[in-house]
Amino acid sequence: MLNFKPYVMVIMAFASTTVFSGTMGPACTPGIASVPCEKSAWNFGAEALYLQASLGTYIFPDYTTIANNVQEFQNVGNLWGWGFMIDGSYHFNTGNDLNVNWYHLKSSTTLNQNGEYSSVGSSDLFTGALSYSPKTTWDAVNMELGQHVDYSPNVSVRYHGGAEYVHINVQRNGLFSNPMGSSNRTLSYNGFGPRVGVDAFYDLNNGLTLFAKSALGLYAGTTTFNSLHSYTNSSINSGRKGSALIVVPSLEAKLGASYHHALAQGDLSLDAGWMMINYFGALMNATPGLVHSDNFAEQGPFVGLKWVGNIV
């Protein structure tokens, strides 16, 4: 008689191995993140900006028109203007990059009007012709180190941190005909400090990606203000000035989409979206009997091109 016991044991062992190999093999495990494969690449990009620069509540109106003893606050200082951003970065190791970027905005306009006016925060009263010329300049130069992390086939995040230099200059100048004279006011801030952020991406496939980018900054620097009212036919002039060393926090956000197109020598992407930046208490101004701080903010659309070329 044949002994089937050894064959039964072999079949059972094979079956059990097959069962375990099906259940213990690779599976989707929540919480697992990965980094890209190691590579080296260069990145160059530029963006066109159309931003509105605005100030805080105290100096939000720059002057008021007066008719029938009613003051109307004029919002002529919140200028829209063109700017740009240029950046370059070096990608290395497993998802690391070293990036340098520069944002620049300069906006100005001239308003000519006849009527009766008062300078906000002042008791001076002007009548006749007014020529008002607000100007705003903003620069931000940032150097940061980033790390790209993939959380799923569609979701990825870039964490970054570095240091940034910020320059803000706001000028509010006016010429008056009665009494003949001028009003000149300059507010500025220069600061330097750390900046950290998170950029989140969602891949919609077919080259289209949605993104949401955010950053926090903290800058130590000097804020200054200088205002002067002078009159041609009078020796009575008035002015205020001052400066202080302060620490300014900032909050930044970008929302948009990008389209990627593969080329023979790298990848080309088109970005478009909306950006917002706020510097808390960066500017200081003086009115009779009071020195106060104001926020400086910018918001508006942007569009840009970026090229990433691999290093063989």
Protein backbone atom coordinates (compact mmCIF):
# COMPACT_ATOMS: atom_id res chain seq x y z
CA MET A 1 0.00 0.00 0.00
CA LEU A 2 1.19 3.45 -0.90
CA ASN A 3 1.87 5.91 1.89
CA PHE A 4 0.20 9.27 0.89
CA LYS A 5 1.18 11.09 4.06
CA PRO A 6 4.42 12.71 2.71
CA TYR A 7 2.58 13.94 -0.42
CA VAL A 8 -0.28 15.43 1.60
CA MET A 9 2.20 17.32 3.80
CA VAL A 10 4.01 18.74 0.75
CA ILE A 11 0.71 19.88 -0.85
CA MET A 12 -0.43 21.52 2.41
CA ALA A 13 2.88 23.34 2.80
CA PHE A 14 2.71 24.65 -0.77
CA ALA A 15 -0.88 25.76 -0.33
CA SER A 16 -0.11 27.58 2.90
CA THR A 17 2.85 29.34 1.24
CA THR A 18 0.63 30.42 -1.63
CA VAL A 19 -2.02 31.80 0.74
CA PHE A 20 0.49 33.80 2.75
CA SER A 21 2.21 35.13 -0.35
CA GLY A 22 -1.12 36.53 -1.51
CA THR A 23 -1.99 38.25 1.75
CA MET A 24 1.43 39.41 2.95
CA GLY A 25 2.73 40.79 -0.33
CA PRO A 26 3.05 44.51 -1.27
CA ALA A 27 -0.08 46.47 -0.35
CA CYS A 28 -1.15 50.10 0.06
CA THR A 29 -0.09 51.19 3.53
CA PRO A 30 -1.46 54.48 4.91
CA GLY A 31 1.10 57.03 6.06
CA ILE A 32 3.90 55.98 3.72
CA ALA A 33 5.78 58.82 1.99
CA SER A 34 8.66 58.66 -0.46
CA VAL A 35 11.20 60.99 -2.02
CA PRO A 36 12.08 61.21 -5.73
CA CYS A 37 14.95 59.27 -7.18
CA GLU A 38 18.34 60.92 -7.05
CA LYS A 39 19.00 63.34 -9.91
CA SER A 40 20.64 66.66 -10.74
CA ALA A 41 18.93 69.47 -12.66
CA TRP A 42 18.85 73.24 -13.18
CA ASN A 43 15.70 75.34 -13.08
CA PHE A 44 15.11 78.88 -14.44
CA GLY A 45 11.83 80.77 -14.32
CA ALA A 46 10.16 84.17 -14.54
CA GLU A 47 6.72 85.52 -13.67
CA ALA A 48 4.83 88.65 -14.68
CA LEU A 49 2.95 90.20 -11.73
CA TYR A 50 0.03 92.63 -11.69
CA LEU A 51 -0.41 93.55 -8.04
CA GLN A 52 -2.32 96.02 -5.93
CA ALA A 53 -0.25 97.46 -3.09
CA SER A 54 -2.31 98.67 -0.14
CA LEU A 55 -1.71 100.17 3.29
CA GLY A 56 -3.46 99.73 6.61
CA THR A 57 -6.53 101.43 8.01
CA TYR A 58 -4.82 104.56 9.37
CA ILE A 59 -3.34 105.81 6.11
CA PHE A 60 -5.71 103.97 3.81
CA PRO A 61 -7.09 107.32 2.53
CA ASP A 62 -4.38 109.73 1.41
CA TYR A 63 -6.55 112.83 1.28
CA THR A 64 -10.23 113.81 1.44
CA THR A 65 -12.36 115.98 -0.82
CA ILE A 66 -14.76 118.33 0.93
CA ALA A 67 -18.14 119.36 -0.46
CA ASN A 68 -20.98 120.84 1.62
CA ASN A 69 -18.98 120.13 4.79
CA VAL A 70 -18.93 116.39 3.95
CA GLN A 71 -15.56 114.65 3.69
CA GLU A 72 -15.16 111.90 1.11
CA PHE A 73 -12.11 109.68 1.66
CA GLN A 74 -10.27 109.00 -1.58
CA ASN A 75 -8.72 105.56 -2.09
CA VAL A 76 -6.16 106.69 -4.68
CA GLY A 77 -3.09 105.30 -2.92
CA ASN A 78 -3.92 101.61 -3.39
CA LEU A 79 -2.11 101.32 -6.71
CA TRP A 80 -2.16 98.51 -9.25
CA GLY A 81 1.16 98.06 -10.98
CA TRP A 82 3.30 95.66 -12.99
CA GLY A 83 6.16 93.72 -11.46
CA PHE A 84 8.16 90.57 -11.98
CA MET A 85 9.69 87.57 -10.27
CA ILE A 86 12.81 85.78 -11.52
CA ASP A 87 14.27 82.67 -9.96
CA GLY A 88 16.86 79.96 -10.44
CA SER A 89 17.48 76.73 -8.59
CA TYR A 90 19.72 73.69 -8.51
CA HIS A 91 18.09 70.28 -7.90
CA PHE A 92 20.22 67.56 -6.32
CA ASN A 93 20.12 64.34 -4.27
CA THR A 94 16.67 62.84 -3.64
CA GLY A 95 14.28 65.75 -4.08
CA ASN A 96 16.46 68.57 -2.70
CA ASP A 97 16.77 72.01 -4.29
CA LEU A 98 18.55 75.29 -3.58
CA ASN A 99 16.50 78.22 -4.88
CA VAL A 100 17.13 81.98 -5.21
CA ASN A 101 14.29 84.31 -6.28
CA TRP A 102 13.65 88.06 -6.54
CA TYR A 103 10.26 89.81 -6.50
CA HIS A 104 10.04 93.44 -7.67
CA LEU A 105 7.10 95.83 -7.95
CA LYS A 106 7.06 99.55 -8.78
CA SER A 107 3.80 101.42 -9.32
CA SER A 108 3.00 105.11 -9.68
CA THR A 109 0.29 107.42 -10.96
CA THR A 110 -0.69 111.12 -11.03
CA LEU A 111 -4.08 112.55 -10.14
CA ASN A 112 -5.04 116.10 -11.20
CA GLN A 113 -8.21 117.61 -9.76
CA ASN A 114 -9.82 120.91 -8.73
CA GLY A 115 -11.69 121.33 -5.47
CA GLU A 116 -11.25 121.65 -1.74
CA TYR A 117 -9.08 119.12 0.14
CA SER A 118 -7.60 118.27 3.48
CA SER A 119 -4.61 116.03 4.08
CA VAL A 120 -5.67 113.04 6.19
CA GLY A 121 -4.26 113.27 9.72
CA SER A 122 -3.62 117.01 9.36
CA SER A 123 -5.58 120.20 10.01
CA ASP A 124 -4.27 121.79 6.79
CA LEU A 125 -6.95 122.84 4.32
CA PHE A 126 -6.24 123.29 0.60
CA THR A 127 -8.41 124.70 -2.16
CA GLY A 128 -7.89 125.03 -5.91
CA ALA A 129 -5.81 122.64 -7.99
CA LEU A 130 -4.32 119.41 -6.66
CA SER A 131 -1.66 117.28 -8.33
CA TYR A 132 -1.24 114.06 -6.36
CA SER A 133 1.50 111.48 -7.15
CA PRO A 134 1.53 108.25 -5.11
CA LYS A 135 4.41 105.79 -5.67
CA THR A 136 5.09 102.32 -4.25
CA THR A 137 8.21 100.13 -4.51
CA TRP A 138 8.59 96.59 -3.14
CA ASP A 139 11.51 94.17 -3.37
CA ALA A 140 11.94 90.74 -1.79
CA VAL A 141 15.06 88.60 -2.32
CA ASN A 142 14.84 85.07 -0.95
CA MET A 143 17.28 82.14 -0.71
CA GLU A 144 15.86 78.80 0.43
CA LEU A 145 16.56 75.06 0.65
CA GLY A 146 13.71 72.74 -0.31
CA GLN A 147 12.75 69.06 0.05
CA HIS A 148 10.21 67.39 -2.24
CA VAL A 149 8.12 64.53 -0.79
CA ASP A 150 5.59 62.30 -2.63
CA TYR A 151 2.60 61.16 -0.56
CA SER A 152 0.70 59.44 -3.38
CA PRO A 153 0.81 59.22 -7.18
CA ASN A 154 -1.15 62.50 -7.29
CA VAL A 155 -0.19 64.38 -4.12
CA SER A 156 3.24 65.85 -3.40
CA VAL A 157 4.60 68.54 -1.07
CA ARG A 158 7.69 70.72 -1.08
CA TYR A 159 8.94 71.91 2.32
CA HIS A 160 11.34 74.86 2.27
CA GLY A 161 13.16 77.24 4.55
CA GLY A 162 15.71 80.00 4.19
CA ALA A 163 16.31 83.73 4.62
CA GLU A 164 14.82 86.79 2.93
CA TYR A 165 15.56 90.50 2.52
CA VAL A 166 12.56 92.85 2.21
CA HIS A 167 12.46 96.50 1.02
CA ILE A 168 9.27 98.60 1.06
CA ASN A 169 9.06 102.27 0.06
CA VAL A 170 5.82 104.28 -0.10
CA GLN A 171 5.75 107.92 -1.28
CA ARG A 172 2.72 110.20 -1.17
CA ASN A 173 3.45 113.61 -2.74
CA GLY A 174 1.04 116.42 -3.59
CA LEU A 175 1.13 119.95 -5.03
CA PHE A 176 -1.50 122.55 -4.07
CA SER A 177 -2.40 125.95 -5.54
CA ASN A 178 -4.12 127.68 -2.59
CA PRO A 179 -2.16 128.09 -0.47
CA MET A 180 0.62 127.35 -2.93
CA GLY A 181 2.77 124.58 -1.54
CA SER A 182 3.46 120.89 -1.35
CA SER A 183 2.95 117.86 0.85
CA ASN A 184 5.57 115.09 0.81
CA ARG A 185 5.44 111.87 2.81
CA THR A 186 7.77 108.85 2.65
CA LEU A 187 7.34 105.59 4.57
CA SER A 188 9.90 102.79 4.26
CA TYR A 189 11.01 99.50 5.76
CA ASN A 190 14.15 97.37 5.28
CA GLY A 191 14.38 94.01 7.02
CA PHE A 192 16.04 90.60 6.95
CA GLY A 193 15.12 87.32 8.58
CA PRO A 194 14.04 83.66 8.29
CA ARG A 195 11.25 82.42 6.04
CA VAL A 196 9.67 78.93 5.95
CA GLY A 197 6.87 77.46 3.87
CA VAL A 198 4.95 74.54 2.39
CA ASP A 199 3.99 74.09 -1.28
CA ALA A 200 1.30 71.47 -2.00
CA PHE A 201 0.65 69.98 -5.47
CA TYR A 202 -2.17 67.83 -6.84
CA ASP A 203 -1.52 66.16 -10.19
CA LEU A 204 -4.62 66.00 -12.42
CA ASN A 205 -2.68 64.00 -15.05
CA ASN A 206 -2.27 65.03 -18.71
CA GLY A 207 0.31 67.60 -17.59
CA LEU A 208 -2.05 69.70 -15.44
CA THR A 209 -1.29 70.34 -11.74
CA LEU A 210 -3.07 72.41 -9.09
CA PHE A 211 -0.98 74.05 -6.38
CA ALA A 212 -1.37 75.92 -3.10
CA LYS A 213 1.74 77.59 -1.69
CA SER A 214 2.19 79.29 1.67
CA ALA A 215 5.05 80.85 3.64
CA LEU A 216 5.71 82.61 6.94
CA GLY A 217 8.47 85.16 7.49
CA LEU A 218 9.93 87.07 10.43
CA TYR A 219 12.17 90.05 9.69
CA ALA A 220 14.21 92.36 11.88
CA GLY A 221 14.78 95.79 10.37
CA THR A 222 14.28 99.53 10.44
CA THR A 223 11.08 101.40 9.68
CA THR A 224 11.22 105.14 8.96
CA PHE A 225 8.76 107.92 8.21
CA ASN A 226 9.32 111.47 6.99
CA SER A 227 6.58 113.99 6.16
CA LEU A 228 6.84 117.68 5.29
CA HIS A 229 4.24 120.35 4.47
CA SER A 230 5.80 123.46 2.92
CA TYR A 231 4.22 126.66 1.59
CA THR A 232 5.74 128.95 -1.04
CA ASN A 233 4.33 132.23 0.31
CA SER A 234 4.81 131.48 4.00
CA SER A 235 7.68 130.71 6.31
CA ILE A 236 5.45 128.34 8.30
CA ASN A 237 6.33 124.75 7.46
CA SER A 238 5.46 121.61 9.37
CA GLY A 239 7.06 118.19 9.37
CA ARG A 240 7.36 114.90 11.24
CA LYS A 241 9.98 112.18 11.04
CA GLY A 242 11.23 109.18 12.99
CA SER A 243 12.66 105.67 12.82
CA ALA A 244 12.60 102.49 14.89
CA LEU A 245 14.06 98.98 14.89
CA ILE A 246 11.18 96.50 14.79
CA VAL A 247 10.42 92.83 14.07
CA VAL A 248 7.83 92.27 11.32
CA PRO A 249 5.97 88.99 10.63
CA SER A 250 4.64 88.20 7.16
CA LEU A 251 2.12 85.81 5.63
CA GLU A 252 2.17 84.72 1.98
CA ALA A 253 -0.13 82.56 -0.15
CA LYS A 254 -0.35 81.49 -3.80
CA LEU A 255 -3.17 79.57 -5.48
CA GLY A 256 -3.06 78.45 -9.09
CA ALA A 257 -2.42 75.80 -11.71
CA SER A 258 0.46 74.80 -13.95
CA TYR A 259 0.73 72.92 -17.23
CA HIS A 260 3.85 70.83 -17.90
CA HIS A 261 5.21 69.92 -21.32
CA ALA A 262 8.14 67.55 -21.85
CA LEU A 263 10.90 68.71 -24.19
CA ALA A 264 13.93 66.96 -25.61
CA GLN A 265 16.14 68.94 -23.20
CA GLY A 266 14.02 69.11 -20.02
CA ASP A 267 10.51 70.18 -19.03
CA LEU A 268 8.68 73.46 -19.66
CA SER A 269 5.79 74.58 -17.44
CA LEU A 270 3.29 77.45 -17.56
CA ASP A 271 2.02 78.73 -14.20
CA ALA A 272 -0.92 81.06 -13.52
CA GLY A 273 -2.77 82.04 -10.37
CA TRP A 274 -3.36 84.59 -7.62
CA MET A 275 -0.93 85.67 -4.90
CA MET A 276 -1.32 87.54 -1.58
CA ILE A 277 1.33 88.92 0.79
CA ASN A 278 0.91 90.85 4.04
CA TYR A 279 3.63 92.44 6.20
CA PHE A 280 2.19 93.15 9.64
CA GLY A 281 3.05 96.55 11.14
CA ALA A 282 5.93 97.20 8.74
CA LEU A 283 5.24 100.90 8.14
CA MET A 284 4.91 103.74 10.65
CA ASN A 285 3.24 107.09 10.24
CA ALA A 286 2.63 110.14 12.41
CA THR A 287 -0.50 112.25 12.76
CA PRO A 288 -0.86 115.09 15.26
CA GLY A 289 -0.27 113.59 18.69
CA LEU A 290 -0.04 109.98 17.49
CA VAL A 291 2.52 107.62 15.95
CA HIS A 292 1.03 104.37 14.69
CA SER A 293 2.05 101.34 12.65
CA ASP A 294 0.37 100.03 9.51
CA ASN A 295 0.34 96.82 7.51
CA PHE A 296 1.62 96.68 3.95
CA ALA A 297 -0.12 94.19 1.65
CA GLU A 298 -0.14 93.13 -1.99
CA GLN A 299 -2.46 90.92 -4.00
CA GLY A 300 -3.13 90.15 -7.63
CA PRO A 301 -2.68 87.73 -10.54
CA PHE A 302 0.55 86.29 -11.92
CA VAL A 303 1.61 84.22 -14.91
CA GLY A 304 5.00 82.66 -15.57
CA LEU A 305 7.20 80.19 -17.42
CA LYS A 306 9.67 77.72 -15.90
CA TRP A 307 12.22 75.42 -17.49
CA VAL A 308 13.83 72.45 -15.75
CA GLY A 309 16.77 70.79 -17.50
CA ASN A 310 18.36 67.57 -16.32
CA ILE A 311 22.13 67.33 -15.91
CA VAL A 312 23.52 64.19 -17.56
